C-alpha cells in the first residue's frame, strides 16, 4: 500500500507544476513575438568581454637602483685614460637639497676634472667637496633663490669666463636666471647650460624658442673660433627612443614638441652652405639604437621604479672633436640626490 502524500509533498508538487506551466507560457509568448523569427544565436545576448588585466609595469632595466639617496659606501669610479679630461654634467634639482641626499658623495667618487651643475637654485654655496677639489669655481649671475641657476667647477684654469649671452636682448628674462656659463680654454670652449623649460601647458614655449635661436647664433660664433663642448640639462627629447612614453607626450609636454626638437636639431646641424660645422649628441652617437636609458625620472607616480624616464641631459661636441672622445656614459646608479642622474664625458686633452 502506497504511503499517503503529506501536505508538504503536495505543496512541493504544486510548486513544480506552477513553474512548469510558467515556463511553457514564456516559451509560447516567445514564439508569438516578432523576435521568434530570429535564429537562436541571434536571440542570445552576446557575452560581455572581460577586461584583460594589465601586466605589472616593470623597469626597462631591472638593475636600475631606486634608492632614496646616493649610497654612503659609493665606490670611486674608474679613472679616464691617461691624458683624458673628464667632464660631468648633473641637474641637481636644488644644490642644498641634493647635498642632504649625497651630492658630495658623488663628487668625491667621480672626481671629474670639470663639473657642470645645473638647477642649483642658489646664487652660491660653499661645500667642502667642491671647495677642496676645485680651485676654479664659477656661479651663474642673477640667480633667483629657489629657481634655475648654473655653476661650473674646474681643476683647469680657463683663459676667460663668460656668463650668459652678454648682448642678446630677446633672451634677457631667461638669461637673467644664470642659465649659462662659458669657459674658454686654449683649444676649446666648455659651455654649461640649463636650457629653459617650455612650462606647464607650453606657456613659455615662445620664450624658449627665442632662447634657442639666440643660443644657436652664440654656438656658431664660438665654434667658428674653437671647437665646443656643450653640456647640461637641455630640456629636449629629440627622438621617440629618448623618452619612455613618446605618444602621450609628443606635442603636448614641454621638451617633446616639434618646435623644441627642431630648435635642437638646428643647433646641431647648420644649414647647408652656411660654412658652419656640425655638433654631435655624443651619447646618442655612441649608442644609436639603445633604448630605456634616461637621465630624468619624475618623482611623481614612481616613475623611477616603473622605468618611465626622459633623456634630457647631454654632452654635445663639435664634430671635429668626436675622434677625441673616449667615452660618454649616463651614471644611472647615481640616483636619489636628484630627479636627474649625471652624464659623463671622457675626452682626450688638453682642452
C-alpha atoms as a PDB file:
ATOM      1  CA  UNK A   1       0.000   0.000   0.000  1.00  0.00           C
ATOM      2  CA  UNK A   2       1.436   3.293  -1.068  1.00  0.00           C
ATOM      3  CA  UNK A   3       2.100   5.802   1.637  1.00  0.00           C
ATOM      4  CA  UNK A   4      -0.156   8.802   1.900  1.00  0.00           C
ATOM      5  CA  UNK A   5       1.151  12.073   0.493  1.00  0.00           C
ATOM      6  CA  UNK A   6       1.767  14.653   3.112  1.00  0.00           C
ATOM      7  CA  UNK A   7       0.689  18.267   2.684  1.00  0.00           C
ATOM      8  CA  UNK A   8       4.317  19.339   2.352  1.00  0.00           C
ATOM      9  CA  UNK A   9       4.826  16.977  -0.558  1.00  0.00           C
ATOM     10  CA  UNK A  10       1.759  18.320  -2.278  1.00  0.00           C
ATOM     11  CA  UNK A  11       2.931  21.809  -1.843  1.00  0.00           C
ATOM     12  CA  UNK A  12       6.206  20.851  -3.434  1.00  0.00           C
ATOM     13  CA  UNK A  13       4.460  19.223  -6.371  1.00  0.00           C
ATOM     14  CA  UNK A  14       2.199  22.228  -6.820  1.00  0.00           C
ATOM     15  CA  UNK A  15       5.241  24.488  -6.941  1.00  0.00           C
ATOM     16  CA  UNK A  16       6.897  22.289  -9.561  1.00  0.00           C
ATOM     17  CA  UNK A  17       3.718  22.249 -11.648  1.00  0.00           C
ATOM     18  CA  UNK A  18       3.367  26.011 -11.422  1.00  0.00           C
ATOM     19  CA  UNK A  19       6.941  26.541 -12.507  1.00  0.00           C
ATOM     20  CA  UNK A  20       6.428  24.167 -15.423  1.00  0.00           C
ATOM     21  CA  UNK A  21       3.314  25.988 -16.571  1.00  0.00           C
ATOM     22  CA  UNK A  22       5.030  29.343 -16.231  1.00  0.00           C
ATOM     23  CA  UNK A  23       7.920  28.118 -18.357  1.00  0.00           C
ATOM     24  CA  UNK A  24       5.544  26.860 -21.053  1.00  0.00           C
ATOM     25  CA  UNK A  25       3.777  30.231 -21.097  1.00  0.00           C
ATOM     26  CA  UNK A  26       7.106  32.025 -21.567  1.00  0.00           C
ATOM     27  CA  UNK A  27       8.023  29.756 -24.473  1.00  0.00           C
ATOM     28  CA  UNK A  28       4.627  30.352 -26.146  1.00  0.00           C
ATOM     29  CA  UNK A  29       4.965  34.116 -25.725  1.00  0.00           C
ATOM     30  CA  UNK A  30       8.404  33.988 -27.254  1.00  0.00           C
ATOM     31  CA  UNK A  31       7.105  32.090 -30.270  1.00  0.00           C
ATOM     32  CA  UNK A  32       4.326  34.633 -30.822  1.00  0.00           C
ATOM     33  CA  UNK A  33       6.830  37.509 -30.618  1.00  0.00           C
ATOM     34  CA  UNK A  34       8.374  39.032 -33.795  1.00  0.00           C
ATOM     35  CA  UNK A  35      11.735  38.136 -32.313  1.00  0.00           C
ATOM     36  CA  UNK A  36      10.833  34.474 -32.835  1.00  0.00           C
ATOM     37  CA  UNK A  37      11.841  34.883 -36.468  1.00  0.00           C
ATOM     38  CA  UNK A  38      15.422  35.395 -35.350  1.00  0.00           C
ATOM     39  CA  UNK A  39      17.691  32.421 -35.031  1.00  0.00           C
ATOM     40  CA  UNK A  40      18.576  31.135 -31.622  1.00  0.00           C
ATOM     41  CA  UNK A  41      22.088  32.502 -31.885  1.00  0.00           C
ATOM     42  CA  UNK A  42      20.725  35.927 -32.816  1.00  0.00           C
ATOM     43  CA  UNK A  43      18.354  35.966 -29.871  1.00  0.00           C
ATOM     44  CA  UNK A  44      21.094  35.127 -27.437  1.00  0.00           C
ATOM     45  CA  UNK A  45      22.824  38.031 -25.768  1.00  0.00           C
ATOM     46  CA  UNK A  46      26.445  38.476 -26.710  1.00  0.00           C
ATOM     47  CA  UNK A  47      28.669  37.566 -23.801  1.00  0.00           C
ATOM     48  CA  UNK A  48      30.355  40.554 -22.194  1.00  0.00           C
ATOM     49  CA  UNK A  49      34.044  40.788 -22.862  1.00  0.00           C
ATOM     50  CA  UNK A  50      36.147  40.518 -19.787  1.00  0.00           C
ATOM     51  CA  UNK A  51      38.747  43.242 -19.403  1.00  0.00           C
ATOM     52  CA  UNK A  52      42.199  41.832 -19.617  1.00  0.00           C
ATOM     53  CA  UNK A  53      44.279  42.547 -16.580  1.00  0.00           C
ATOM     54  CA  UNK A  54      47.103  44.956 -17.301  1.00  0.00           C
ATOM     55  CA  UNK A  55      50.501  43.399 -16.748  1.00  0.00           C
ATOM     56  CA  UNK A  56      52.519  44.995 -13.957  1.00  0.00           C
ATOM     57  CA  UNK A  57      54.778  47.824 -15.109  1.00  0.00           C
ATOM     58  CA  UNK A  58      58.409  46.927 -14.588  1.00  0.00           C
ATOM     59  CA  UNK A  59      61.552  48.992 -15.178  1.00  0.00           C
ATOM     60  CA  UNK A  60      63.084  48.627 -18.609  1.00  0.00           C
ATOM     61  CA  UNK A  61      66.310  47.854 -16.794  1.00  0.00           C
ATOM     62  CA  UNK A  62      65.539  45.898 -13.602  1.00  0.00           C
ATOM     63  CA  UNK A  63      69.060  46.551 -12.321  1.00  0.00           C
ATOM     64  CA  UNK A  64      68.453  50.311 -12.052  1.00  0.00           C
ATOM     65  CA  UNK A  65      68.608  51.250  -8.358  1.00  0.00           C
ATOM     66  CA  UNK A  66      65.703  53.041  -6.696  1.00  0.00           C
ATOM     67  CA  UNK A  67      67.449  54.207  -3.523  1.00  0.00           C
ATOM     68  CA  UNK A  68      66.344  57.479  -1.935  1.00  0.00           C
ATOM     69  CA  UNK A  69      69.847  58.952  -1.707  1.00  0.00           C
ATOM     70  CA  UNK A  70      73.349  58.369  -3.041  1.00  0.00           C
ATOM     71  CA  UNK A  71      74.793  55.394  -1.110  1.00  0.00           C
ATOM     72  CA  UNK A  72      77.264  56.235   1.640  1.00  0.00           C
ATOM     73  CA  UNK A  73      79.579  53.431   0.519  1.00  0.00           C
ATOM     74  CA  UNK A  74      79.728  54.615  -3.108  1.00  0.00           C
ATOM     75  CA  UNK A  75      82.987  53.377  -4.645  1.00  0.00           C
ATOM     76  CA  UNK A  76      85.207  55.659  -6.745  1.00  0.00           C
ATOM     77  CA  UNK A  77      84.592  55.459 -10.477  1.00  0.00           C
ATOM     78  CA  UNK A  78      87.431  54.195 -12.705  1.00  0.00           C
ATOM     79  CA  UNK A  79      89.681  56.996 -13.858  1.00  0.00           C
ATOM     80  CA  UNK A  80      89.659  58.072 -17.514  1.00  0.00           C
ATOM     81  CA  UNK A  81      92.511  57.026 -19.804  1.00  0.00           C
ATOM     82  CA  UNK A  82      95.811  58.835 -19.425  1.00  0.00           C
ATOM     83  CA  UNK A  83      95.730  62.280 -20.994  1.00  0.00           C
ATOM     84  CA  UNK A  84      91.917  62.499 -20.941  1.00  0.00           C
ATOM     85  CA  UNK A  85      89.757  65.135 -19.292  1.00  0.00           C
ATOM     86  CA  UNK A  86      86.547  64.050 -17.561  1.00  0.00           C
ATOM     87  CA  UNK A  87      83.561  66.402 -17.708  1.00  0.00           C
ATOM     88  CA  UNK A  88      80.443  65.593 -15.698  1.00  0.00           C
ATOM     89  CA  UNK A  89      77.094  67.382 -16.025  1.00  0.00           C
ATOM     90  CA  UNK A  90      74.307  66.970 -13.484  1.00  0.00           C
ATOM     91  CA  UNK A  91      70.991  68.681 -12.823  1.00  0.00           C
ATOM     92  CA  UNK A  92      70.791  68.522  -9.031  1.00  0.00           C
ATOM     93  CA  UNK A  93      67.261  69.968  -8.653  1.00  0.00           C
ATOM     94  CA  UNK A  94      68.454  72.291  -5.887  1.00  0.00           C
ATOM     95  CA  UNK A  95      72.001  72.077  -4.552  1.00  0.00           C
ATOM     96  CA  UNK A  96      71.096  72.435  -0.872  1.00  0.00           C
ATOM     97  CA  UNK A  97      68.531  69.642  -1.066  1.00  0.00           C
ATOM     98  CA  UNK A  98      70.837  67.458  -3.149  1.00  0.00           C
ATOM     99  CA  UNK A  99      73.679  67.821  -0.654  1.00  0.00           C
ATOM    100  CA  UNK A 100      71.452  66.376   2.073  1.00  0.00           C
ATOM    101  CA  UNK A 101      70.940  63.281  -0.092  1.00  0.00           C
ATOM    102  CA  UNK A 102      74.517  62.573  -1.133  1.00  0.00           C
ATOM    103  CA  UNK A 103      75.638  65.153  -3.708  1.00  0.00           C
ATOM    104  CA  UNK A 104      79.139  65.365  -2.236  1.00  0.00           C
ATOM    105  CA  UNK A 105      79.475  61.589  -2.174  1.00  0.00           C
ATOM    106  CA  UNK A 106      79.073  61.591  -5.932  1.00  0.00           C
ATOM    107  CA  UNK A 107      81.521  64.488  -6.363  1.00  0.00           C
ATOM    108  CA  UNK A 108      84.146  62.557  -4.406  1.00  0.00           C
ATOM    109  CA  UNK A 109      83.533  59.284  -6.242  1.00  0.00           C
ATOM    110  CA  UNK A 110      83.558  60.804  -9.740  1.00  0.00           C
ATOM    111  CA  UNK A 111      86.391  63.285  -9.170  1.00  0.00           C
ATOM    112  CA  UNK A 112      85.695  64.915 -12.540  1.00  0.00           C
ATOM    113  CA  UNK A 113      88.122  67.477 -13.909  1.00  0.00           C
ATOM    114  CA  UNK A 114      85.189  69.747 -14.737  1.00  0.00           C
ATOM    115  CA  UNK A 115      81.783  69.535 -13.071  1.00  0.00           C
ATOM    116  CA  UNK A 116      78.797  71.354 -14.573  1.00  0.00           C
ATOM    117  CA  UNK A 117      75.909  71.668 -12.111  1.00  0.00           C
ATOM    118  CA  UNK A 118      72.516  72.867 -13.319  1.00  0.00           C
ATOM    119  CA  UNK A 119      69.362  73.935 -11.493  1.00  0.00           C
ATOM    120  CA  UNK A 120      71.420  74.918  -8.468  1.00  0.00           C
ATOM    121  CA  UNK A 121      68.608  77.165  -7.149  1.00  0.00           C
ATOM    122  CA  UNK A 122      71.199  79.171  -5.202  1.00  0.00           C
ATOM    123  CA  UNK A 123      73.388  82.171  -6.129  1.00  0.00           C
ATOM    124  CA  UNK A 124      76.354  80.436  -4.445  1.00  0.00           C
ATOM    125  CA  UNK A 125      77.053  77.733  -1.867  1.00  0.00           C
ATOM    126  CA  UNK A 126      80.231  76.618  -0.113  1.00  0.00           C
ATOM    127  CA  UNK A 127      80.707  72.847   0.169  1.00  0.00           C
ATOM    128  CA  UNK A 128      83.980  71.155   1.200  1.00  0.00           C
ATOM    129  CA  UNK A 129      83.727  68.592  -1.614  1.00  0.00           C
ATOM    130  CA  UNK A 130      83.710  71.454  -4.130  1.00  0.00           C
ATOM    131  CA  UNK A 131      85.929  73.986  -2.369  1.00  0.00           C
ATOM    132  CA  UNK A 132      88.705  71.487  -1.616  1.00  0.00           C
ATOM    133  CA  UNK A 133      88.718  69.866  -5.047  1.00  0.00           C
ATOM    134  CA  UNK A 134      88.150  72.733  -7.466  1.00  0.00           C
ATOM    135  CA  UNK A 135      90.324  75.815  -7.447  1.00  0.00           C
ATOM    136  CA  UNK A 136      88.227  77.499 -10.123  1.00  0.00           C
ATOM    137  CA  UNK A 137      84.545  77.905  -9.247  1.00  0.00           C
ATOM    138  CA  UNK A 138      82.047  79.911 -11.283  1.00  0.00           C
ATOM    139  CA  UNK A 139      78.417  80.621 -10.449  1.00  0.00           C
ATOM    140  CA  UNK A 140      75.749  81.994 -12.774  1.00  0.00           C
ATOM    141  CA  UNK A 141      74.764  85.595 -12.185  1.00  0.00           C
ATOM    142  CA  UNK A 142      71.301  86.950 -11.343  1.00  0.00           C
ATOM    143  CA  UNK A 143      70.118  83.607  -9.976  1.00  0.00           C
ATOM    144  CA  UNK A 144      66.858  83.828  -8.057  1.00  0.00           C
ATOM    145  CA  UNK A 145      66.915  81.807  -4.863  1.00  0.00           C
ATOM    146  CA  UNK A 146      64.955  78.617  -5.422  1.00  0.00           C
ATOM    147  CA  UNK A 147      64.954  78.841  -9.219  1.00  0.00           C
ATOM    148  CA  UNK A 148      67.233  77.769 -12.108  1.00  0.00           C
ATOM    149  CA  UNK A 149      70.964  78.530 -11.843  1.00  0.00           C
ATOM    150  CA  UNK A 150      74.144  77.001 -13.303  1.00  0.00           C
ATOM    151  CA  UNK A 151      77.640  76.582 -11.855  1.00  0.00           C
ATOM    152  CA  UNK A 152      80.903  75.180 -13.230  1.00  0.00           C
ATOM    153  CA  UNK A 153      83.748  73.819 -11.107  1.00  0.00           C
ATOM    154  CA  UNK A 154      87.117  73.200 -12.738  1.00  0.00           C
ATOM    155  CA  UNK A 155      90.558  71.889 -11.837  1.00  0.00           C
ATOM    156  CA  UNK A 156      91.859  73.520 -15.012  1.00  0.00           C
ATOM    157  CA  UNK A 157      92.255  77.275 -15.188  1.00  0.00           C
ATOM    158  CA  UNK A 158      90.300  78.802 -18.093  1.00  0.00           C
ATOM    159  CA  UNK A 159      91.540  81.700 -20.178  1.00  0.00           C
ATOM    160  CA  UNK A 160      88.217  83.527 -19.912  1.00  0.00           C
ATOM    161  CA  UNK A 161      84.797  83.131 -18.304  1.00  0.00           C
ATOM    162  CA  UNK A 162      81.557  84.420 -19.823  1.00  0.00           C
ATOM    163  CA  UNK A 163      78.154  84.378 -18.149  1.00  0.00           C
ATOM    164  CA  UNK A 164      75.059  84.478 -20.337  1.00  0.00           C
ATOM    165  CA  UNK A 165      74.720  85.803 -23.871  1.00  0.00           C
ATOM    166  CA  UNK A 166      76.051  89.229 -22.936  1.00  0.00           C
ATOM    167  CA  UNK A 167      74.310  91.213 -25.675  1.00  0.00           C
ATOM    168  CA  UNK A 168      71.109  89.383 -26.622  1.00  0.00           C
ATOM    169  CA  UNK A 169      68.107  91.483 -25.636  1.00  0.00           C
ATOM    170  CA  UNK A 170      65.428  88.967 -26.628  1.00  0.00           C
ATOM    171  CA  UNK A 171      66.557  86.422 -24.017  1.00  0.00           C
ATOM    172  CA  UNK A 172      67.150  88.813 -21.133  1.00  0.00           C
ATOM    173  CA  UNK A 173      64.417  87.298 -18.935  1.00  0.00           C
ATOM    174  CA  UNK A 174      65.578  83.702 -19.286  1.00  0.00           C
ATOM    175  CA  UNK A 175      69.258  84.546 -19.235  1.00  0.00           C
ATOM    176  CA  UNK A 176      68.932  86.532 -16.009  1.00  0.00           C
ATOM    177  CA  UNK A 177      68.339  83.250 -14.195  1.00  0.00           C
ATOM    178  CA  UNK A 178      72.005  82.322 -14.553  1.00  0.00           C
ATOM    179  CA  UNK A 179      71.367  79.598 -17.099  1.00  0.00           C
ATOM    180  CA  UNK A 180      74.673  79.638 -18.972  1.00  0.00           C
ATOM    181  CA  UNK A 181      78.403  79.843 -18.289  1.00  0.00           C
ATOM    182  CA  UNK A 182      81.176  79.538 -20.882  1.00  0.00           C
ATOM    183  CA  UNK A 183      84.784  78.676 -20.071  1.00  0.00           C
ATOM    184  CA  UNK A 184      87.354  79.387 -22.761  1.00  0.00           C
ATOM    185  CA  UNK A 185      90.446  77.173 -22.824  1.00  0.00           C
ATOM    186  CA  UNK A 186      93.442  77.111 -25.139  1.00  0.00           C
ATOM    187  CA  UNK A 187      91.932  74.676 -27.642  1.00  0.00           C
ATOM    188  CA  UNK A 188      88.189  74.659 -26.949  1.00  0.00           C
ATOM    189  CA  UNK A 189      85.180  76.137 -25.180  1.00  0.00           C
ATOM    190  CA  UNK A 190      83.170  74.394 -22.464  1.00  0.00           C
ATOM    191  CA  UNK A 191      79.598  75.681 -22.274  1.00  0.00           C
ATOM    192  CA  UNK A 192      77.329  74.661 -19.401  1.00  0.00           C
ATOM    193  CA  UNK A 193      73.620  75.390 -19.779  1.00  0.00           C
ATOM    194  CA  UNK A 194      70.304  74.873 -18.078  1.00  0.00           C
ATOM    195  CA  UNK A 195      68.036  75.418 -21.077  1.00  0.00           C
ATOM    196  CA  UNK A 196      64.641  76.975 -20.242  1.00  0.00           C
ATOM    197  CA  UNK A 197      61.622  74.718 -19.887  1.00  0.00           C
ATOM    198  CA  UNK A 198      58.570  75.302 -22.089  1.00  0.00           C
ATOM    199  CA  UNK A 199      56.408  75.215 -18.963  1.00  0.00           C
ATOM    200  CA  UNK A 200      53.119  73.630 -17.967  1.00  0.00           C
ATOM    201  CA  UNK A 201      50.722  73.772 -20.873  1.00  0.00           C
ATOM    202  CA  UNK A 202      53.651  75.016 -23.018  1.00  0.00           C
ATOM    203  CA  UNK A 203      53.022  78.531 -21.690  1.00  0.00           C
ATOM    204  CA  UNK A 204      56.647  79.616 -22.003  1.00  0.00           C
ATOM    205  CA  UNK A 205      57.376  77.882 -25.320  1.00  0.00           C
ATOM    206  CA  UNK A 206      57.680  81.215 -27.211  1.00  0.00           C
ATOM    207  CA  UNK A 207      60.351  82.381 -24.742  1.00  0.00           C
ATOM    208  CA  UNK A 208      62.204  79.098 -25.124  1.00  0.00           C
ATOM    209  CA  UNK A 209      62.127  79.400 -28.914  1.00  0.00           C
ATOM    210  CA  UNK A 210      63.755  82.829 -28.611  1.00  0.00           C
ATOM    211  CA  UNK A 211      66.396  81.358 -26.307  1.00  0.00           C
ATOM    212  CA  UNK A 212      67.070  78.514 -28.752  1.00  0.00           C
ATOM    213  CA  UNK A 213      67.534  80.892 -31.682  1.00  0.00           C
ATOM    214  CA  UNK A 214      69.865  83.156 -29.724  1.00  0.00           C
ATOM    215  CA  UNK A 215      71.852  80.194 -28.446  1.00  0.00           C
ATOM    216  CA  UNK A 216      72.217  78.780 -31.962  1.00  0.00           C
ATOM    217  CA  UNK A 217      73.819  82.053 -33.046  1.00  0.00           C
ATOM    218  CA  UNK A 218      76.052  82.002 -29.963  1.00  0.00           C
ATOM    219  CA  UNK A 219      77.169  78.408 -30.630  1.00  0.00           C
ATOM    220  CA  UNK A 220      78.060  79.221 -34.228  1.00  0.00           C
ATOM    221  CA  UNK A 221      80.127  82.207 -33.124  1.00  0.00           C
ATOM    222  CA  UNK A 222      82.079  80.082 -30.655  1.00  0.00           C
ATOM    223  CA  UNK A 223      82.516  77.123 -32.992  1.00  0.00           C
ATOM    224  CA  UNK A 224      83.906  79.383 -35.702  1.00  0.00           C
ATOM    225  CA  UNK A 225      86.779  80.202 -33.333  1.00  0.00           C
ATOM    226  CA  UNK A 226      87.386  76.925 -31.476  1.00  0.00           C
ATOM    227  CA  UNK A 227      85.644  73.560 -31.042  1.00  0.00           C
ATOM    228  CA  UNK A 228      82.839  73.498 -28.475  1.00  0.00           C
ATOM    229  CA  UNK A 229      81.914  71.098 -25.675  1.00  0.00           C
ATOM    230  CA  UNK A 230      78.334  71.873 -24.658  1.00  0.00           C
ATOM    231  CA  UNK A 231      76.725  70.080 -21.733  1.00  0.00           C
ATOM    232  CA  UNK A 232      73.964  70.285 -19.161  1.00  0.00           C
ATOM    233  CA  UNK A 233      70.199  69.911 -18.956  1.00  0.00           C
ATOM    234  CA  UNK A 234      68.993  70.820 -22.456  1.00  0.00           C
ATOM    235  CA  UNK A 235      65.308  70.105 -21.738  1.00  0.00           C
ATOM    236  CA  UNK A 236      64.520  68.321 -25.009  1.00  0.00           C
ATOM    237  CA  UNK A 237      63.935  64.748 -26.212  1.00  0.00           C
ATOM    238  CA  UNK A 238      64.914  64.670 -29.898  1.00  0.00           C
ATOM    239  CA  UNK A 239      63.661  61.172 -30.817  1.00  0.00           C
ATOM    240  CA  UNK A 240      60.993  58.678 -29.677  1.00  0.00           C
ATOM    241  CA  UNK A 241      63.635  56.409 -28.126  1.00  0.00           C
ATOM    242  CA  UNK A 242      64.768  59.213 -25.808  1.00  0.00           C
ATOM    243  CA  UNK A 243      61.562  59.006 -23.771  1.00  0.00           C
ATOM    244  CA  UNK A 244      59.506  56.105 -22.418  1.00  0.00           C
ATOM    245  CA  UNK A 245      56.052  57.411 -23.395  1.00  0.00           C
ATOM    246  CA  UNK A 246      56.502  59.253 -26.679  1.00  0.00           C
ATOM    247  CA  UNK A 247      52.905  59.088 -27.948  1.00  0.00           C
ATOM    248  CA  UNK A 248      51.336  60.518 -24.807  1.00  0.00           C
ATOM    249  CA  UNK A 249      53.823  63.414 -24.633  1.00  0.00           C
ATOM    250  CA  UNK A 250      54.509  64.324 -28.263  1.00  0.00           C
ATOM    251  CA  UNK A 251      53.477  67.932 -28.951  1.00  0.00           C
ATOM    252  CA  UNK A 252      51.739  68.012 -25.567  1.00  0.00           C
ATOM    253  CA  UNK A 253      54.524  68.180 -22.993  1.00  0.00           C
ATOM    254  CA  UNK A 254      57.452  70.543 -22.536  1.00  0.00           C
ATOM    255  CA  UNK A 255      60.604  69.180 -24.141  1.00  0.00           C
ATOM    256  CA  UNK A 256      58.685  66.993 -26.563  1.00  0.00           C
ATOM    257  CA  UNK A 257      57.312  69.458 -29.119  1.00  0.00           C
ATOM    258  CA  UNK A 258      58.257  69.902 -32.760  1.00  0.00           C
ATOM    259  CA  UNK A 259      59.338  73.471 -32.024  1.00  0.00           C
ATOM    260  CA  UNK A 260      61.840  72.350 -29.374  1.00  0.00           C
ATOM    261  CA  UNK A 261      63.072  69.339 -31.329  1.00  0.00           C
ATOM    262  CA  UNK A 262      63.567  71.427 -34.471  1.00  0.00           C
ATOM    263  CA  UNK A 263      65.379  74.066 -32.426  1.00  0.00           C
ATOM    264  CA  UNK A 264      67.790  71.472 -31.045  1.00  0.00           C
ATOM    265  CA  UNK A 265      68.398  69.962 -34.477  1.00  0.00           C
ATOM    266  CA  UNK A 266      69.113  73.425 -35.880  1.00  0.00           C
ATOM    267  CA  UNK A 267      71.695  73.964 -33.143  1.00  0.00           C
ATOM    268  CA  UNK A 268      73.440  70.716 -34.079  1.00  0.00           C
ATOM    269  CA  UNK A 269      73.085  70.825 -37.865  1.00  0.00           C
ATOM    270  CA  UNK A 270      73.746  74.164 -39.580  1.00  0.00           C
ATOM    271  CA  UNK A 271      72.090  74.977 -42.865  1.00  0.00           C
ATOM    272  CA  UNK A 272      73.841  73.559 -45.893  1.00  0.00           C
ATOM    273  CA  UNK A 273      76.171  76.072 -47.444  1.00  0.00           C
ATOM    274  CA  UNK A 274      76.365  78.196 -44.283  1.00  0.00           C
ATOM    275  CA  UNK A 275      80.029  77.382 -43.796  1.00  0.00           C
ATOM    276  CA  UNK A 276      79.404  76.231 -40.211  1.00  0.00           C
ATOM    277  CA  UNK A 277      80.260  72.783 -38.901  1.00  0.00           C
ATOM    278  CA  UNK A 278      78.066  70.193 -37.183  1.00  0.00           C
ATOM    279  CA  UNK A 279      77.823  69.435 -33.499  1.00  0.00           C
ATOM    280  CA  UNK A 280      77.111  65.925 -32.241  1.00  0.00           C
ATOM    281  CA  UNK A 281      74.970  64.490 -29.442  1.00  0.00           C
ATOM    282  CA  UNK A 282      77.750  62.221 -28.180  1.00  0.00           C
ATOM    283  CA  UNK A 283      75.780  59.690 -26.130  1.00  0.00           C
ATOM    284  CA  UNK A 284      73.353  59.009 -28.977  1.00  0.00           C
ATOM    285  CA  UNK A 285      76.241  58.885 -31.444  1.00  0.00           C
ATOM    286  CA  UNK A 286      77.879  56.201 -29.293  1.00  0.00           C
ATOM    287  CA  UNK A 287      74.605  54.331 -28.668  1.00  0.00           C
ATOM    288  CA  UNK A 288      72.487  54.893 -31.815  1.00  0.00           C
ATOM    289  CA  UNK A 289      69.774  52.309 -31.121  1.00  0.00           C
ATOM    290  CA  UNK A 290      69.856  51.927 -27.347  1.00  0.00           C
ATOM    291  CA  UNK A 291      66.500  52.424 -25.616  1.00  0.00           C
ATOM    292  CA  UNK A 292      65.499  52.740 -21.988  1.00  0.00           C
ATOM    293  CA  UNK A 293      68.452  54.863 -20.865  1.00  0.00           C
ATOM    294  CA  UNK A 294      67.298  58.147 -19.393  1.00  0.00           C
ATOM    295  CA  UNK A 295      68.696  60.975 -17.293  1.00  0.00           C
ATOM    296  CA  UNK A 296      65.440  62.202 -15.738  1.00  0.00           C
ATOM    297  CA  UNK A 297      62.673  60.397 -13.850  1.00  0.00           C
ATOM    298  CA  UNK A 298      59.859  62.364 -12.255  1.00  0.00           C
ATOM    299  CA  UNK A 299      59.439  61.849  -8.521  1.00  0.00           C
ATOM    300  CA  UNK A 300      55.700  61.516  -9.144  1.00  0.00           C
ATOM    301  CA  UNK A 301      53.920  58.217  -9.805  1.00  0.00           C
ATOM    302  CA  UNK A 302      57.008  56.072  -9.030  1.00  0.00           C
ATOM    303  CA  UNK A 303      58.471  56.819 -12.456  1.00  0.00           C
ATOM    304  CA  UNK A 304      61.929  55.580 -11.496  1.00  0.00           C
ATOM    305  CA  UNK A 305      60.547  52.252 -10.296  1.00  0.00           C
ATOM    306  CA  UNK A 306      58.491  51.908 -13.478  1.00  0.00           C
ATOM    307  CA  UNK A 307      61.313  52.901 -15.816  1.00  0.00           C
ATOM    308  CA  UNK A 308      59.385  55.934 -17.095  1.00  0.00           C
ATOM    309  CA  UNK A 309      62.064  58.456 -17.977  1.00  0.00           C
ATOM    310  CA  UNK A 310      63.357  61.120 -20.355  1.00  0.00           C
ATOM    311  CA  UNK A 311      66.849  61.735 -21.743  1.00  0.00           C
ATOM    312  CA  UNK A 312      67.181  65.462 -21.087  1.00  0.00           C
ATOM    313  CA  UNK A 313      70.871  65.843 -20.172  1.00  0.00           C
ATOM    314  CA  UNK A 314      73.593  65.856 -22.812  1.00  0.00           C
ATOM    315  CA  UNK A 315      77.221  66.048 -23.785  1.00  0.00           C
ATOM    316  CA  UNK A 316      77.471  67.720 -27.202  1.00  0.00           C
ATOM    317  CA  UNK A 317      80.731  68.360 -29.051  1.00  0.00           C
ATOM    318  CA  UNK A 318      81.851  69.917 -32.299  1.00  0.00           C
ATOM    319  CA  UNK A 319      82.056  67.109 -34.831  1.00  0.00           C
ATOM    320  CA  UNK A 320      85.777  67.627 -35.318  1.00  0.00           C
ATOM    321  CA  UNK A 321      86.279  66.747 -31.632  1.00  0.00           C
ATOM    322  CA  UNK A 322      84.494  63.414 -31.951  1.00  0.00           C
ATOM    323  CA  UNK A 323      87.689  61.395 -32.616  1.00  0.00           C
ATOM    324  CA  UNK A 324      88.991  62.648 -29.252  1.00  0.00           C
ATOM    325  CA  UNK A 325      86.000  61.302 -27.311  1.00  0.00           C
ATOM    326  CA  UNK A 326      86.885  58.132 -25.426  1.00  0.00           C
ATOM    327  CA  UNK A 327      83.644  57.559 -23.510  1.00  0.00           C
ATOM    328  CA  UNK A 328      80.249  59.064 -22.761  1.00  0.00           C
ATOM    329  CA  UNK A 329      78.091  57.404 -20.132  1.00  0.00           C
ATOM    330  CA  UNK A 330      74.921  58.027 -18.147  1.00  0.00           C
ATOM    331  CA  UNK A 331      75.515  57.405 -14.443  1.00  0.00           C
ATOM    332  CA  UNK A 332      72.221  55.582 -13.903  1.00  0.00           C
ATOM    333  CA  UNK A 333      73.362  54.340 -10.495  1.00  0.00           C
ATOM    334  CA  UNK A 334      73.630  57.881  -9.094  1.00  0.00           C
ATOM    335  CA  UNK A 335      70.011  58.131  -8.080  1.00  0.00           C
ATOM    336  CA  UNK A 336      68.396  59.661  -5.040  1.00  0.00           C
ATOM    337  CA  UNK A 337      70.053  63.060  -4.684  1.00  0.00           C
ATOM    338  CA  UNK A 338      68.067  64.492  -7.617  1.00  0.00           C
ATOM    339  CA  UNK A 339      65.385  63.510 -10.112  1.00  0.00           C
ATOM    340  CA  UNK A 340      68.183  63.567 -12.720  1.00  0.00           C
ATOM    341  CA  UNK A 341      71.360  61.490 -12.981  1.00  0.00           C
ATOM    342  CA  UNK A 342      74.777  62.701 -14.215  1.00  0.00           C
ATOM    343  CA  UNK A 343      76.150  62.259 -17.722  1.00  0.00           C
ATOM    344  CA  UNK A 344      79.927  61.982 -18.098  1.00  0.00           C
ATOM    345  CA  UNK A 345      82.293  62.649 -20.999  1.00  0.00           C
ATOM    346  CA  UNK A 346      85.911  61.496 -21.249  1.00  0.00           C
ATOM    347  CA  UNK A 347      87.747  63.425 -23.949  1.00  0.00           C
ATOM    348  CA  UNK A 348      91.388  63.479 -24.906  1.00  0.00           C
ATOM    349  CA  UNK A 349      93.051  66.681 -23.756  1.00  0.00           C
ATOM    350  CA  UNK A 350      94.394  69.192 -23.363  1.00  0.00           C
ATOM    351  CA  UNK A 351      91.362  71.434 -23.509  1.00  0.00           C
END
